[in-house]
Amino acid sequence: MFLSLSLPALAQSDAYVPGTPTLSAYSSPSTTDDDPQAGALLTIRKRVDEVNVLFIATDKHGKFVRDLSQTDFAILDDHKPPQSILNFRRETDLPLHLGLLIDVSGSVHGRFEFEQDAATSFLQHSIRANFDKAFIVGFNTQSQMSQDFTDNVELLSAGVHKLQDGGGTALYDAIYRACKDKFLKDRPDHPVRKAIVVVSDGEDNQSEYSRAQAIEMAQRAEVIIYAISTDDSGLVLRGDKVLEQLSAATGGRAFFPFKMKDITHSFAAIEDELRSQYVVSYKPADFDADGRYRSIEISALKKDLQVRARKGYFAPQQ
């Protein structure tokens, strides 16, 4: 049985204008309170009674394990085994739709040029012509689209290098708007993987939207968030926990490179992970289209294997 979800109303026009700040193009959010459950949403778009989850598996050394089968995992939906597993496969060759969100606030000035070069190298290795595509957003107090979706790496590189640093930081707004105005409107007729890579120190002092709202919109758009910290203080700061929460809630990962050369290694690790995913599709047991939150737990049956995936979803309502 198929059912489309009722999502928050989207603006009819594209809020991003290349090269033009866009904060004024948006209305203020209705709420700002953080919801602890909002970090665990998974949108079911195609079927009322079918759930699709992307996940990765690593060994005790953190290395990706790419040769596992369905029998190597246990799945619980709402604390119960699924009624049936519909599909299990590796998703290393699905097209990648990527958003690169770069913090251009004054706090990142010292390493900004190096970060631009590392980001460009990442795009050159990750985006395949006529198959993948990406867009570039720079954000401080406002979000600025410097390059819209394209598979042209030269245009993407130019989009990265035209960004100018300075100003405050509205990280949550940047994530919310990228997910709402790019990924929710990006409805391909074939399966794709959607991911955002955020390059930031995680310190937000200007956003209208809350962290919970940013996470919820990412999950409604079925986007995995990866974060690379620009903080080089060597201390554990508030922004580090923010980046960890954003990535963990969406099934992604946060990186904290201390030296500039480690930024390149972080991008390489993300590239590797994006090519190392599994997907499982299943029918939940005792499922009702009642809008209720349902948790997802995927665990490995083999010793010393770790699984990283989204935490759950809200069932649609009929």
Protein backbone atom coordinates (compact mmCIF):
# COMPACT_ATOMS: atom_id res chain seq x y z
CA MET A 1 0.00 0.00 0.00
CA PHE A 2 1.48 3.33 -1.04
CA LEU A 3 1.08 6.69 0.62
CA SER A 4 2.80 10.04 0.20
CA LEU A 5 3.81 11.90 3.35
CA SER A 6 2.41 15.27 4.27
CA LEU A 7 5.53 17.44 4.59
CA PRO A 8 5.89 21.09 5.60
CA ALA A 9 4.91 23.38 2.75
CA LEU A 10 7.82 24.27 0.47
CA ALA A 11 8.42 27.61 -1.10
CA GLN A 12 7.43 27.59 -4.75
CA SER A 13 10.49 29.49 -5.91
CA ASP A 14 14.12 28.51 -5.41
CA ALA A 15 15.34 30.49 -2.41
CA TYR A 16 18.97 30.30 -3.50
CA VAL A 17 20.27 32.92 -5.92
CA PRO A 18 23.84 32.21 -7.10
CA GLY A 19 26.24 34.68 -5.56
CA THR A 20 23.51 36.42 -3.55
CA PRO A 21 22.93 36.07 0.21
CA THR A 22 19.54 34.51 0.85
CA LEU A 23 18.68 34.88 4.53
CA SER A 24 15.98 37.47 3.87
CA ALA A 25 14.25 35.13 1.42
CA TYR A 26 13.02 32.90 4.25
CA SER A 27 10.34 33.35 6.87
CA SER A 28 11.17 32.77 10.50
CA PRO A 29 10.53 29.31 11.97
CA SER A 30 7.49 28.79 14.12
CA THR A 31 9.41 27.10 16.96
CA THR A 32 12.95 27.09 18.29
CA ASP A 33 12.84 24.52 21.11
CA ASP A 34 15.14 21.53 20.60
CA ASP A 35 13.27 18.23 20.46
CA PRO A 36 15.49 15.33 21.60
CA GLN A 37 13.64 12.90 19.33
CA ALA A 38 13.92 15.10 16.25
CA GLY A 39 17.42 13.73 15.64
CA ALA A 40 16.07 10.32 14.74
CA LEU A 41 13.70 10.82 11.87
CA LEU A 42 13.50 8.74 8.73
CA THR A 43 11.03 9.70 6.05
CA ILE A 44 9.08 6.86 4.43
CA ARG A 45 8.05 8.15 1.02
CA LYS A 46 7.18 5.19 -1.17
CA ARG A 47 5.22 2.68 0.89
CA VAL A 48 3.33 2.90 4.12
CA ASP A 49 4.66 -0.50 5.17
CA GLU A 50 8.22 -0.47 3.75
CA VAL A 51 11.33 0.98 5.39
CA ASN A 52 14.67 1.55 3.63
CA VAL A 53 17.82 2.16 5.68
CA LEU A 54 21.36 2.91 4.51
CA PHE A 55 24.12 1.83 6.93
CA ILE A 56 27.81 0.99 7.15
CA ALA A 57 29.72 -1.70 9.03
CA THR A 58 33.26 -1.42 10.44
CA ASP A 59 35.64 -3.79 12.21
CA LYS A 60 37.32 -3.13 15.57
CA HIS A 61 39.99 -1.06 13.82
CA GLY A 62 37.40 1.17 12.15
CA LYS A 63 37.95 -0.34 8.71
CA PHE A 64 34.91 -0.71 6.45
CA VAL A 65 33.66 -4.26 5.94
CA ARG A 66 32.14 -4.60 2.48
CA ASP A 67 31.49 -8.35 2.05
CA LEU A 68 28.70 -9.00 4.54
CA SER A 69 25.30 -10.54 3.85
CA GLN A 70 21.82 -10.21 5.30
CA THR A 71 22.45 -13.10 7.72
CA ASP A 72 25.26 -11.12 9.37
CA PHE A 73 22.85 -8.57 10.85
CA ALA A 74 19.92 -8.40 13.25
CA ILE A 75 17.27 -5.71 12.74
CA LEU A 76 14.72 -4.41 15.22
CA ASP A 77 11.97 -2.00 14.28
CA ASP A 78 10.12 -0.58 17.27
CA HIS A 79 11.97 -3.25 19.32
CA LYS A 80 10.57 -6.10 17.19
CA PRO A 81 12.08 -8.10 14.31
CA PRO A 82 10.65 -7.07 10.92
CA GLN A 83 7.80 -9.05 9.43
CA SER A 84 9.98 -9.68 6.36
CA ILE A 85 13.21 -8.51 4.71
CA LEU A 86 12.42 -7.34 1.18
CA ASN A 87 15.92 -6.53 -0.04
CA PHE A 88 19.51 -6.39 1.19
CA ARG A 89 22.40 -5.20 -0.94
CA ARG A 90 25.53 -3.11 -1.11
CA GLU A 91 24.99 0.39 -2.45
CA THR A 92 28.49 1.32 -3.54
CA ASP A 93 27.43 2.24 -7.06
CA LEU A 94 24.33 4.33 -6.47
CA PRO A 95 24.59 7.89 -7.84
CA LEU A 96 25.69 10.42 -5.23
CA HIS A 97 23.85 13.73 -4.76
CA LEU A 98 26.05 15.87 -2.52
CA GLY A 99 25.84 19.25 -0.86
CA LEU A 100 29.08 20.87 0.33
CA LEU A 101 28.37 23.48 3.03
CA ILE A 102 31.42 25.56 3.92
CA ASP A 103 31.58 27.86 6.94
CA VAL A 104 32.94 31.19 5.68
CA SER A 105 32.56 33.06 8.99
CA GLY A 106 35.47 34.96 10.51
CA SER A 107 36.28 32.12 12.90
CA VAL A 108 37.69 29.93 10.11
CA HIS A 109 40.00 32.55 8.57
CA GLY A 110 43.31 30.91 9.44
CA ARG A 111 42.73 27.68 7.50
CA PHE A 112 40.22 28.83 4.91
CA GLU A 113 42.41 28.59 1.80
CA PHE A 114 43.67 25.13 2.73
CA GLU A 115 40.11 23.97 3.35
CA GLN A 116 39.08 25.21 -0.08
CA ASP A 117 41.88 23.20 -1.71
CA ALA A 118 40.99 20.07 0.28
CA ALA A 119 37.31 20.42 -0.63
CA THR A 120 38.16 20.80 -4.31
CA SER A 121 40.29 17.65 -4.23
CA PHE A 122 37.44 15.76 -2.55
CA LEU A 123 34.99 16.81 -5.28
CA GLN A 124 37.43 15.79 -7.99
CA HIS A 125 37.66 12.30 -6.51
CA SER A 126 33.98 11.88 -5.59
CA ILE A 127 31.87 13.36 -8.40
CA ARG A 128 31.66 11.24 -11.55
CA ALA A 129 30.54 12.97 -14.75
CA ASN A 130 27.04 12.07 -15.99
CA PHE A 131 26.41 10.08 -12.81
CA ASP A 132 26.88 12.11 -9.61
CA LYS A 133 26.19 15.77 -8.88
CA ALA A 134 26.91 18.33 -6.16
CA PHE A 135 26.22 21.91 -5.12
CA ILE A 136 28.27 24.42 -3.09
CA VAL A 137 26.97 26.72 -0.34
CA GLY A 138 29.03 29.14 1.73
CA PHE A 139 27.47 30.32 4.96
CA ASN A 140 28.11 32.92 7.64
CA THR A 141 25.11 34.90 8.89
CA GLN A 142 23.55 34.12 5.50
CA SER A 143 23.63 31.19 3.07
CA GLN A 144 25.06 31.84 -0.38
CA MET A 145 24.80 29.39 -3.26
CA SER A 146 28.05 29.67 -5.21
CA GLN A 147 27.32 26.69 -7.47
CA ASP A 148 24.05 24.84 -8.01
CA PHE A 149 23.75 21.09 -8.69
CA THR A 150 26.17 20.02 -11.42
CA ASP A 151 28.43 17.11 -12.34
CA ASN A 152 31.06 19.54 -13.72
CA VAL A 153 33.98 19.42 -11.27
CA GLU A 154 35.56 22.56 -12.75
CA LEU A 155 32.41 24.56 -12.00
CA LEU A 156 32.26 23.07 -8.50
CA SER A 157 35.91 23.97 -7.89
CA ALA A 158 35.28 27.52 -9.04
CA GLY A 159 32.26 27.66 -6.73
CA VAL A 160 34.44 26.68 -3.76
CA HIS A 161 37.17 29.19 -4.54
CA LYS A 162 34.88 32.16 -5.11
CA LEU A 163 33.71 31.98 -1.47
CA GLN A 164 34.90 34.84 0.77
CA ASP A 165 35.31 34.46 4.53
CA GLY A 166 34.01 36.78 7.26
CA GLY A 167 30.97 37.35 9.50
CA GLY A 168 28.98 35.33 12.05
CA THR A 169 27.74 31.72 11.80
CA ALA A 170 24.25 30.40 11.01
CA LEU A 171 25.03 26.68 10.71
CA TYR A 172 21.56 25.30 11.46
CA ASP A 173 19.95 27.63 8.93
CA ALA A 174 22.41 26.50 6.25
CA ILE A 175 21.62 22.81 6.82
CA TYR A 176 17.87 23.38 7.06
CA ARG A 177 17.72 25.38 3.84
CA ALA A 178 20.02 23.12 1.86
CA CYS A 179 17.86 20.13 2.77
CA LYS A 180 14.54 21.88 2.20
CA ASP A 181 15.33 23.84 -0.95
CA LYS A 182 17.73 21.44 -2.68
CA PHE A 183 17.25 17.86 -1.48
CA LEU A 184 13.49 17.82 -0.87
CA LYS A 185 13.01 19.30 -4.33
CA ASP A 186 15.53 16.85 -5.82
CA ARG A 187 13.25 13.94 -6.74
CA PRO A 188 15.09 11.68 -9.21
CA ASP A 189 13.26 8.76 -10.83
CA HIS A 190 15.96 6.34 -9.66
CA PRO A 191 17.56 5.50 -6.28
CA VAL A 192 20.34 7.85 -5.15
CA ARG A 193 22.39 8.51 -2.04
CA LYS A 194 22.02 12.00 -0.53
CA ALA A 195 24.72 13.48 1.66
CA ILE A 196 25.84 16.83 3.05
CA VAL A 197 29.43 17.55 4.05
CA VAL A 198 29.64 20.45 6.52
CA VAL A 199 33.00 22.17 7.01
CA SER A 200 32.64 24.28 10.16
CA ASP A 201 33.70 24.74 13.78
CA GLY A 202 30.10 23.95 14.82
CA GLU A 203 29.62 27.23 16.69
CA ASP A 204 26.24 28.71 15.74
CA ASN A 205 25.40 32.24 16.85
CA GLN A 206 23.03 33.53 14.16
CA SER A 207 20.50 30.84 13.17
CA GLU A 208 16.74 31.33 13.17
CA TYR A 209 16.15 27.57 13.05
CA SER A 210 17.11 25.29 15.93
CA ARG A 211 19.45 22.32 15.83
CA ALA A 212 16.49 19.95 16.16
CA GLN A 213 14.75 21.60 13.22
CA ALA A 214 17.89 21.30 11.08
CA ILE A 215 18.19 17.61 11.93
CA GLU A 216 14.51 16.97 11.26
CA MET A 217 14.70 18.59 7.83
CA ALA A 218 17.80 16.56 6.97
CA GLN A 219 15.98 13.39 7.89
CA ARG A 220 12.83 14.30 6.02
CA ALA A 221 15.02 14.85 2.97
CA GLU A 222 16.79 11.50 3.67
CA VAL A 223 20.20 13.17 3.88
CA ILE A 224 23.23 11.85 5.76
CA ILE A 225 25.36 14.61 7.34
CA TYR A 226 29.13 14.38 7.57
CA ALA A 227 31.03 17.09 9.45
CA ILE A 228 34.66 18.21 9.34
CA SER A 229 35.65 20.50 12.18
CA THR A 230 37.69 23.61 11.43
CA ASP A 231 38.65 24.07 15.09
CA ASP A 232 42.40 23.62 15.60
CA SER A 233 42.59 24.61 19.28
CA GLY A 234 43.13 21.04 20.47
CA LEU A 235 40.36 21.53 23.03
CA VAL A 236 36.95 19.88 23.18
CA LEU A 237 34.60 22.78 22.52
CA ARG A 238 30.83 23.15 22.36
CA GLY A 239 30.90 23.14 18.56
CA ASP A 240 32.49 19.67 18.55
CA LYS A 241 29.44 18.21 20.31
CA VAL A 242 27.15 19.99 17.85
CA LEU A 243 28.91 18.42 14.87
CA GLU A 244 28.78 15.01 16.52
CA GLN A 245 25.04 15.34 17.18
CA LEU A 246 24.26 16.48 13.63
CA SER A 247 26.15 13.58 12.08
CA ALA A 248 25.15 10.85 14.55
CA ALA A 249 21.44 11.67 14.25
CA THR A 250 21.53 11.21 10.47
CA GLY A 251 23.81 8.17 10.28
CA GLY A 252 26.91 10.17 9.37
CA ARG A 253 30.20 10.89 11.11
CA ALA A 254 32.13 13.86 12.46
CA PHE A 255 35.86 14.40 11.97
CA PHE A 256 38.17 16.56 14.06
CA PRO A 257 41.43 17.14 12.16
CA PHE A 258 44.01 18.92 14.33
CA LYS A 259 46.59 19.57 11.61
CA MET A 260 45.76 21.08 8.25
CA LYS A 261 46.94 17.99 6.36
CA ASP A 262 44.45 15.93 8.36
CA ILE A 263 41.59 17.81 6.68
CA THR A 264 42.51 16.05 3.43
CA HIS A 265 42.44 12.71 5.27
CA SER A 266 38.95 13.52 6.62
CA PHE A 267 37.60 14.19 3.13
CA ALA A 268 39.19 10.94 1.91
CA ALA A 269 37.51 9.00 4.74
CA ILE A 270 34.11 10.43 3.78
CA GLU A 271 34.70 9.52 0.13
CA ASP A 272 35.55 5.97 1.17
CA GLU A 273 32.50 5.65 3.40
CA LEU A 274 30.15 6.86 0.68
CA ARG A 275 31.31 3.91 -1.43
CA SER A 276 30.97 1.38 1.40
CA GLN A 277 27.28 1.42 2.31
CA TYR A 278 24.63 -1.27 2.58
CA VAL A 279 20.88 -0.82 2.25
CA VAL A 280 18.16 -2.97 3.78
CA SER A 281 14.47 -2.77 2.89
CA TYR A 282 11.92 -4.43 5.16
CA LYS A 283 8.29 -4.56 6.25
CA PRO A 284 7.90 -3.74 9.95
CA ALA A 285 5.87 -6.02 12.21
CA ASP A 286 2.67 -4.67 13.82
CA PHE A 287 2.84 -1.54 11.67
CA ASP A 288 0.20 1.17 11.80
CA ALA A 289 0.24 4.38 9.76
CA ASP A 290 -0.38 6.40 12.90
CA GLY A 291 2.39 8.99 12.81
CA ARG A 292 4.13 7.43 15.81
CA TYR A 293 7.90 7.39 16.30
CA ARG A 294 9.50 3.97 15.71
CA SER A 295 13.11 3.20 16.58
CA ILE A 296 15.51 1.31 14.30
CA GLU A 297 18.30 -0.88 15.66
CA ILE A 298 20.72 -2.68 13.32
CA SER A 299 23.39 -4.79 14.99
CA ALA A 300 26.09 -7.09 13.64
CA LEU A 301 26.02 -10.74 14.66
CA LYS A 302 29.74 -11.18 14.04
CA LYS A 303 32.12 -10.30 16.86
CA ASP A 304 33.93 -6.93 16.74
CA LEU A 305 31.72 -5.44 14.04
CA GLN A 306 30.07 -2.06 14.53
CA VAL A 307 27.08 -0.70 12.58
CA ARG A 308 26.22 2.96 12.03
CA ALA A 309 22.73 3.89 10.79
CA ARG A 310 19.85 6.26 11.41
CA LYS A 311 18.11 5.92 14.74
CA GLY A 312 14.48 5.66 13.64
CA TYR A 313 11.59 7.30 11.84
CA PHE A 314 8.07 8.63 12.22
CA ALA A 315 5.46 6.52 10.50
CA PRO A 316 3.23 8.41 8.06
CA GLN A 317 -0.37 9.11 9.00
CA GLN A 318 -3.38 7.99 6.99
